Amino acid sequence: MKKFILIFFLTTLYINGQTLYSVEYKSQADVNIFVVDYKSQADLLVYKVDYKSQAKGNEGLWHFVEYKSQADFNIYFVDYKSQADLKIFFVDYKSQAGWQSKEKKHLLY
């Protein structure tokens, strides 16, 4: 039973990871992203972490991977706000990352 709980817990961590791959075409993406100019316009404040192990949970800590097969989500950066599923703003500090608007949080689960 303990082994089952451990496997379930580890699987949950992996599923909710925030490792991303930026695809070339919109049709390949799980989520379309637009980077806004100001924090106040964003649904999610994102901090880019250096290691995959730091990108756990769904709180805006993103790690970009080199290969599509390594990613939890494939994203595409759109040119216009109206094309986006999610609007983000990149922050300078890890402590600033997080959801501004919880209504779009389901997009990265």
N, C-alpha and C. Protein backbone atom coordinates (compact mmCIF):
# COMPACT_ATOMS: atom_id res chain seq x y z
N MET A 1 0.82 -1.19 0.00
CA MET A 1 0.00 0.00 0.00
C MET A 1 0.87 1.27 0.00
N LYS A 2 1.95 1.25 0.79
CA LYS A 2 2.83 2.42 0.84
C LYS A 2 3.47 2.67 -0.52
N LYS A 3 3.80 1.59 -1.20
CA LYS A 3 4.41 1.71 -2.53
C LYS A 3 3.43 2.37 -3.50
N PHE A 4 2.16 2.00 -3.44
CA PHE A 4 1.12 2.58 -4.30
C PHE A 4 0.99 4.09 -4.04
N ILE A 5 0.97 4.48 -2.78
CA ILE A 5 0.84 5.90 -2.42
C ILE A 5 2.05 6.68 -2.93
N LEU A 6 3.24 6.12 -2.79
CA LEU A 6 4.44 6.78 -3.26
C LEU A 6 4.40 6.96 -4.78
N ILE A 7 4.01 5.94 -5.51
CA ILE A 7 3.92 6.02 -6.97
C ILE A 7 2.88 7.06 -7.37
N PHE A 8 1.74 7.07 -6.71
CA PHE A 8 0.68 8.05 -7.01
C PHE A 8 1.19 9.47 -6.76
N PHE A 9 1.88 9.69 -5.66
CA PHE A 9 2.40 11.01 -5.32
C PHE A 9 3.42 11.47 -6.36
N LEU A 10 4.34 10.62 -6.74
CA LEU A 10 5.36 10.98 -7.73
C LEU A 10 4.74 11.23 -9.10
N THR A 11 3.74 10.46 -9.46
CA THR A 11 3.04 10.66 -10.74
C THR A 11 2.33 12.00 -10.74
N THR A 12 1.71 12.37 -9.65
CA THR A 12 1.02 13.64 -9.54
C THR A 12 1.99 14.80 -9.70
N LEU A 13 3.16 14.70 -9.11
CA LEU A 13 4.16 15.75 -9.27
C LEU A 13 4.57 15.90 -10.73
N TYR A 14 4.74 14.79 -11.41
CA TYR A 14 5.17 14.83 -12.80
C TYR A 14 4.08 15.43 -13.68
N ILE A 15 2.86 15.05 -13.48
CA ILE A 15 1.75 15.55 -14.30
C ILE A 15 1.57 17.04 -14.13
N ASN A 16 1.77 17.56 -12.95
CA ASN A 16 1.56 18.98 -12.70
C ASN A 16 2.82 19.81 -12.90
N GLY A 17 3.81 19.25 -13.56
CA GLY A 17 5.03 20.00 -13.80
C GLY A 17 4.81 21.12 -14.79
N GLN A 18 5.75 22.00 -14.84
CA GLN A 18 5.66 23.14 -15.75
C GLN A 18 6.88 23.19 -16.66
N THR A 19 7.16 22.06 -17.30
CA THR A 19 8.21 22.05 -18.30
C THR A 19 7.55 22.28 -19.65
N LEU A 20 8.12 23.20 -20.40
CA LEU A 20 7.47 23.63 -21.63
C LEU A 20 8.43 23.58 -22.82
N TYR A 21 7.82 23.38 -23.96
CA TYR A 21 8.55 23.41 -25.22
C TYR A 21 7.82 24.38 -26.14
N SER A 22 8.56 25.28 -26.74
CA SER A 22 7.97 26.27 -27.64
C SER A 22 7.96 25.69 -29.06
N VAL A 23 6.77 25.41 -29.58
CA VAL A 23 6.62 24.79 -30.90
C VAL A 23 6.65 25.85 -32.00
N GLU A 24 6.89 25.40 -33.23
CA GLU A 24 6.98 26.31 -34.37
C GLU A 24 5.63 26.73 -34.93
N TYR A 25 4.65 25.85 -34.79
CA TYR A 25 3.35 26.10 -35.40
C TYR A 25 2.23 26.07 -34.36
N LYS A 26 1.28 26.95 -34.54
CA LYS A 26 0.15 27.08 -33.62
C LYS A 26 -0.63 25.77 -33.47
N SER A 27 -0.74 25.03 -34.56
CA SER A 27 -1.49 23.77 -34.55
C SER A 27 -0.85 22.69 -33.68
N GLN A 28 0.42 22.85 -33.34
CA GLN A 28 1.13 21.87 -32.51
C GLN A 28 1.00 22.17 -31.01
N ALA A 29 0.43 23.31 -30.68
CA ALA A 29 0.44 23.78 -29.29
C ALA A 29 -0.72 23.25 -28.47
N ASP A 30 -0.45 23.05 -27.19
CA ASP A 30 -1.48 22.76 -26.21
C ASP A 30 -2.13 24.06 -25.75
N VAL A 31 -1.29 25.11 -25.65
CA VAL A 31 -1.74 26.41 -25.18
C VAL A 31 -1.07 27.50 -26.01
N ASN A 32 -1.85 28.49 -26.41
CA ASN A 32 -1.33 29.65 -27.12
C ASN A 32 -1.09 30.78 -26.12
N ILE A 33 0.13 31.33 -26.18
CA ILE A 33 0.58 32.29 -25.18
C ILE A 33 0.85 33.65 -25.83
N PHE A 34 0.48 34.70 -25.11
CA PHE A 34 0.85 36.05 -25.53
C PHE A 34 1.57 36.71 -24.36
N VAL A 35 2.72 37.31 -24.64
CA VAL A 35 3.49 38.00 -23.61
C VAL A 35 3.07 39.47 -23.60
N VAL A 36 2.51 39.90 -22.49
CA VAL A 36 2.02 41.28 -22.36
C VAL A 36 3.14 42.20 -21.89
N ASP A 37 2.91 43.49 -22.04
CA ASP A 37 3.92 44.49 -21.68
C ASP A 37 3.93 44.85 -20.20
N TYR A 38 2.80 44.64 -19.54
CA TYR A 38 2.68 45.04 -18.14
C TYR A 38 2.11 43.91 -17.28
N LYS A 39 2.59 43.83 -16.06
CA LYS A 39 2.13 42.83 -15.09
C LYS A 39 0.61 42.81 -14.95
N SER A 40 0.02 43.98 -14.90
CA SER A 40 -1.42 44.10 -14.66
C SER A 40 -2.27 43.51 -15.78
N GLN A 41 -1.69 43.29 -16.95
CA GLN A 41 -2.43 42.73 -18.09
C GLN A 41 -2.37 41.20 -18.12
N ALA A 42 -1.56 40.60 -17.30
CA ALA A 42 -1.30 39.16 -17.36
C ALA A 42 -2.27 38.32 -16.55
N ASP A 43 -2.52 37.12 -17.06
CA ASP A 43 -3.25 36.10 -16.30
C ASP A 43 -2.29 35.40 -15.34
N LEU A 44 -1.04 35.25 -15.82
CA LEU A 44 -0.02 34.51 -15.07
C LEU A 44 1.30 35.26 -15.12
N LEU A 45 1.93 35.39 -13.96
CA LEU A 45 3.27 35.94 -13.88
C LEU A 45 4.24 34.77 -13.86
N VAL A 46 5.18 34.76 -14.80
CA VAL A 46 6.05 33.61 -15.01
C VAL A 46 7.50 33.94 -14.67
N TYR A 47 8.12 33.00 -13.97
CA TYR A 47 9.56 33.08 -13.70
C TYR A 47 10.21 31.86 -14.34
N LYS A 48 11.23 32.09 -15.16
CA LYS A 48 11.94 30.98 -15.82
C LYS A 48 12.99 30.42 -14.86
N VAL A 49 12.84 29.14 -14.53
CA VAL A 49 13.79 28.47 -13.64
C VAL A 49 14.85 27.74 -14.47
N ASP A 50 15.98 27.47 -13.85
CA ASP A 50 17.11 26.85 -14.55
C ASP A 50 17.02 25.33 -14.65
N TYR A 51 16.31 24.73 -13.71
CA TYR A 51 16.28 23.26 -13.65
C TYR A 51 14.85 22.74 -13.64
N LYS A 52 14.66 21.60 -14.26
CA LYS A 52 13.34 20.96 -14.33
C LYS A 52 12.77 20.70 -12.93
N SER A 53 13.62 20.33 -12.00
CA SER A 53 13.17 20.02 -10.64
C SER A 53 12.58 21.23 -9.93
N GLN A 54 12.88 22.43 -10.39
CA GLN A 54 12.35 23.65 -9.78
C GLN A 54 10.98 24.03 -10.33
N ALA A 55 10.55 23.35 -11.39
CA ALA A 55 9.32 23.72 -12.09
C ALA A 55 8.14 22.84 -11.69
N LYS A 56 7.95 22.66 -10.40
CA LYS A 56 6.84 21.83 -9.92
C LYS A 56 5.63 22.69 -9.62
N GLY A 57 4.48 22.06 -9.74
CA GLY A 57 3.25 22.76 -9.42
C GLY A 57 2.76 23.60 -10.59
N ASN A 58 1.76 24.38 -10.33
CA ASN A 58 1.14 25.22 -11.35
C ASN A 58 1.12 26.66 -10.85
N GLU A 59 2.31 27.17 -10.54
CA GLU A 59 2.40 28.51 -9.95
C GLU A 59 3.28 29.46 -10.74
N GLY A 60 3.50 29.18 -12.02
CA GLY A 60 4.24 30.11 -12.85
C GLY A 60 5.74 29.93 -12.86
N LEU A 61 6.22 28.80 -12.35
CA LEU A 61 7.65 28.49 -12.42
C LEU A 61 7.86 27.59 -13.62
N TRP A 62 8.39 28.14 -14.70
CA TRP A 62 8.51 27.42 -15.96
C TRP A 62 9.95 27.07 -16.28
N HIS A 63 10.11 25.87 -16.82
CA HIS A 63 11.41 25.44 -17.33
C HIS A 63 11.22 25.05 -18.79
N PHE A 64 11.98 25.69 -19.67
CA PHE A 64 11.91 25.38 -21.09
C PHE A 64 12.90 24.28 -21.43
N VAL A 65 12.41 23.25 -22.12
CA VAL A 65 13.24 22.10 -22.47
C VAL A 65 13.64 22.16 -23.95
N GLU A 66 14.67 21.41 -24.29
CA GLU A 66 15.20 21.41 -25.65
C GLU A 66 14.38 20.57 -26.62
N TYR A 67 13.74 19.54 -26.10
CA TYR A 67 13.03 18.60 -26.96
C TYR A 67 11.55 18.50 -26.57
N LYS A 68 10.72 18.39 -27.58
CA LYS A 68 9.27 18.31 -27.40
C LYS A 68 8.88 17.14 -26.49
N SER A 69 9.58 16.03 -26.63
CA SER A 69 9.26 14.83 -25.85
C SER A 69 9.51 15.00 -24.35
N GLN A 70 10.29 16.00 -23.96
CA GLN A 70 10.59 16.25 -22.55
C GLN A 70 9.57 17.15 -21.87
N ALA A 71 8.69 17.75 -22.65
CA ALA A 71 7.79 18.78 -22.13
C ALA A 71 6.48 18.23 -21.59
N ASP A 72 5.97 18.93 -20.58
CA ASP A 72 4.62 18.65 -20.09
C ASP A 72 3.60 19.35 -20.98
N PHE A 73 3.98 20.51 -21.51
CA PHE A 73 3.11 21.29 -22.38
C PHE A 73 3.88 21.84 -23.57
N ASN A 74 3.21 21.86 -24.71
CA ASN A 74 3.75 22.52 -25.89
C ASN A 74 3.04 23.85 -26.01
N ILE A 75 3.82 24.92 -26.12
CA ILE A 75 3.21 26.24 -26.19
C ILE A 75 3.63 26.93 -27.48
N TYR A 76 2.80 27.86 -27.89
CA TYR A 76 3.09 28.66 -29.08
C TYR A 76 2.88 30.13 -28.70
N PHE A 77 3.86 30.96 -29.02
CA PHE A 77 3.76 32.38 -28.73
C PHE A 77 3.09 33.07 -29.91
N VAL A 78 1.89 33.58 -29.68
CA VAL A 78 1.11 34.24 -30.74
C VAL A 78 1.51 35.71 -30.83
N ASP A 79 1.16 36.31 -31.96
CA ASP A 79 1.51 37.71 -32.22
C ASP A 79 0.50 38.71 -31.66
N TYR A 80 -0.72 38.26 -31.44
CA TYR A 80 -1.77 39.17 -31.00
C TYR A 80 -2.48 38.63 -29.76
N LYS A 81 -2.81 39.53 -28.86
CA LYS A 81 -3.48 39.19 -27.61
C LYS A 81 -4.77 38.41 -27.85
N SER A 82 -5.50 38.77 -28.89
CA SER A 82 -6.79 38.13 -29.18
C SER A 82 -6.65 36.67 -29.60
N GLN A 83 -5.46 36.25 -29.99
CA GLN A 83 -5.22 34.86 -30.40
C GLN A 83 -4.84 33.97 -29.22
N ALA A 84 -4.59 34.56 -28.08
CA ALA A 84 -4.03 33.84 -26.94
C ALA A 84 -5.08 33.15 -26.07
N ASP A 85 -4.68 31.98 -25.58
CA ASP A 85 -5.45 31.30 -24.54
C ASP A 85 -5.06 31.86 -23.17
N LEU A 86 -3.79 32.28 -23.09
CA LEU A 86 -3.22 32.71 -21.82
C LEU A 86 -2.28 33.89 -22.05
N LYS A 87 -2.42 34.92 -21.21
CA LYS A 87 -1.54 36.08 -21.28
C LYS A 87 -0.56 36.00 -20.10
N ILE A 88 0.74 36.13 -20.42
CA ILE A 88 1.75 36.02 -19.37
C ILE A 88 2.64 37.25 -19.36
N PHE A 89 3.33 37.40 -18.24
CA PHE A 89 4.35 38.43 -18.09
C PHE A 89 5.52 37.77 -17.38
N PHE A 90 6.74 37.92 -17.93
CA PHE A 90 7.92 37.34 -17.31
C PHE A 90 8.43 38.27 -16.21
N VAL A 91 8.58 37.71 -15.01
CA VAL A 91 9.05 38.49 -13.85
C VAL A 91 10.52 38.19 -13.58
N ASP A 92 11.13 39.06 -12.79
CA ASP A 92 12.56 38.95 -12.50
C ASP A 92 12.89 38.08 -11.29
N TYR A 93 11.90 37.86 -10.44
CA TYR A 93 12.14 37.13 -9.21
C TYR A 93 11.13 35.99 -9.03
N LYS A 94 11.62 34.88 -8.53
CA LYS A 94 10.80 33.69 -8.29
C LYS A 94 9.60 33.99 -7.40
N SER A 95 9.80 34.83 -6.42
CA SER A 95 8.73 35.15 -5.47
C SER A 95 7.58 35.93 -6.11
N GLN A 96 7.80 36.51 -7.28
CA GLN A 96 6.75 37.27 -7.96
C GLN A 96 5.84 36.40 -8.82
N ALA A 97 6.25 35.18 -9.08
CA ALA A 97 5.49 34.29 -9.96
C ALA A 97 4.17 33.89 -9.33
N GLY A 98 3.16 33.71 -10.19
CA GLY A 98 1.87 33.24 -9.70
C GLY A 98 0.73 33.71 -10.57
N TRP A 99 -0.44 33.18 -10.26
CA TRP A 99 -1.64 33.48 -11.03
C TRP A 99 -2.24 34.81 -10.59
N GLN A 100 -2.54 35.65 -11.54
CA GLN A 100 -3.26 36.89 -11.31
C GLN A 100 -4.77 36.61 -11.46
N SER A 101 -5.07 35.70 -12.39
CA SER A 101 -6.45 35.34 -12.70
C SER A 101 -6.58 33.83 -12.62
N LYS A 102 -7.25 33.35 -11.61
CA LYS A 102 -7.38 31.90 -11.38
C LYS A 102 -8.26 31.20 -12.42
N GLU A 103 -9.06 31.95 -13.17
CA GLU A 103 -9.99 31.34 -14.12
C GLU A 103 -9.29 30.60 -15.27
N LYS A 104 -8.03 30.88 -15.52
CA LYS A 104 -7.31 30.22 -16.61
C LYS A 104 -6.32 29.16 -16.10
N LYS A 105 -6.32 28.95 -14.81
CA LYS A 105 -5.37 28.01 -14.20
C LYS A 105 -5.50 26.60 -14.75
N HIS A 106 -6.70 26.21 -15.16
CA HIS A 106 -6.95 24.87 -15.68
C HIS A 106 -6.18 24.59 -16.99
N LEU A 107 -5.76 25.61 -17.69
CA LEU A 107 -5.05 25.42 -18.96
C LEU A 107 -3.71 24.70 -18.79
N LEU A 108 -3.13 24.80 -17.62
CA LEU A 108 -1.81 24.19 -17.38
C LEU A 108 -1.86 23.03 -16.39
N TYR A 109 -2.97 22.31 -16.38
CA TYR A 109 -3.08 21.09 -15.56
C TYR A 109 -3.06 19.89 -16.44
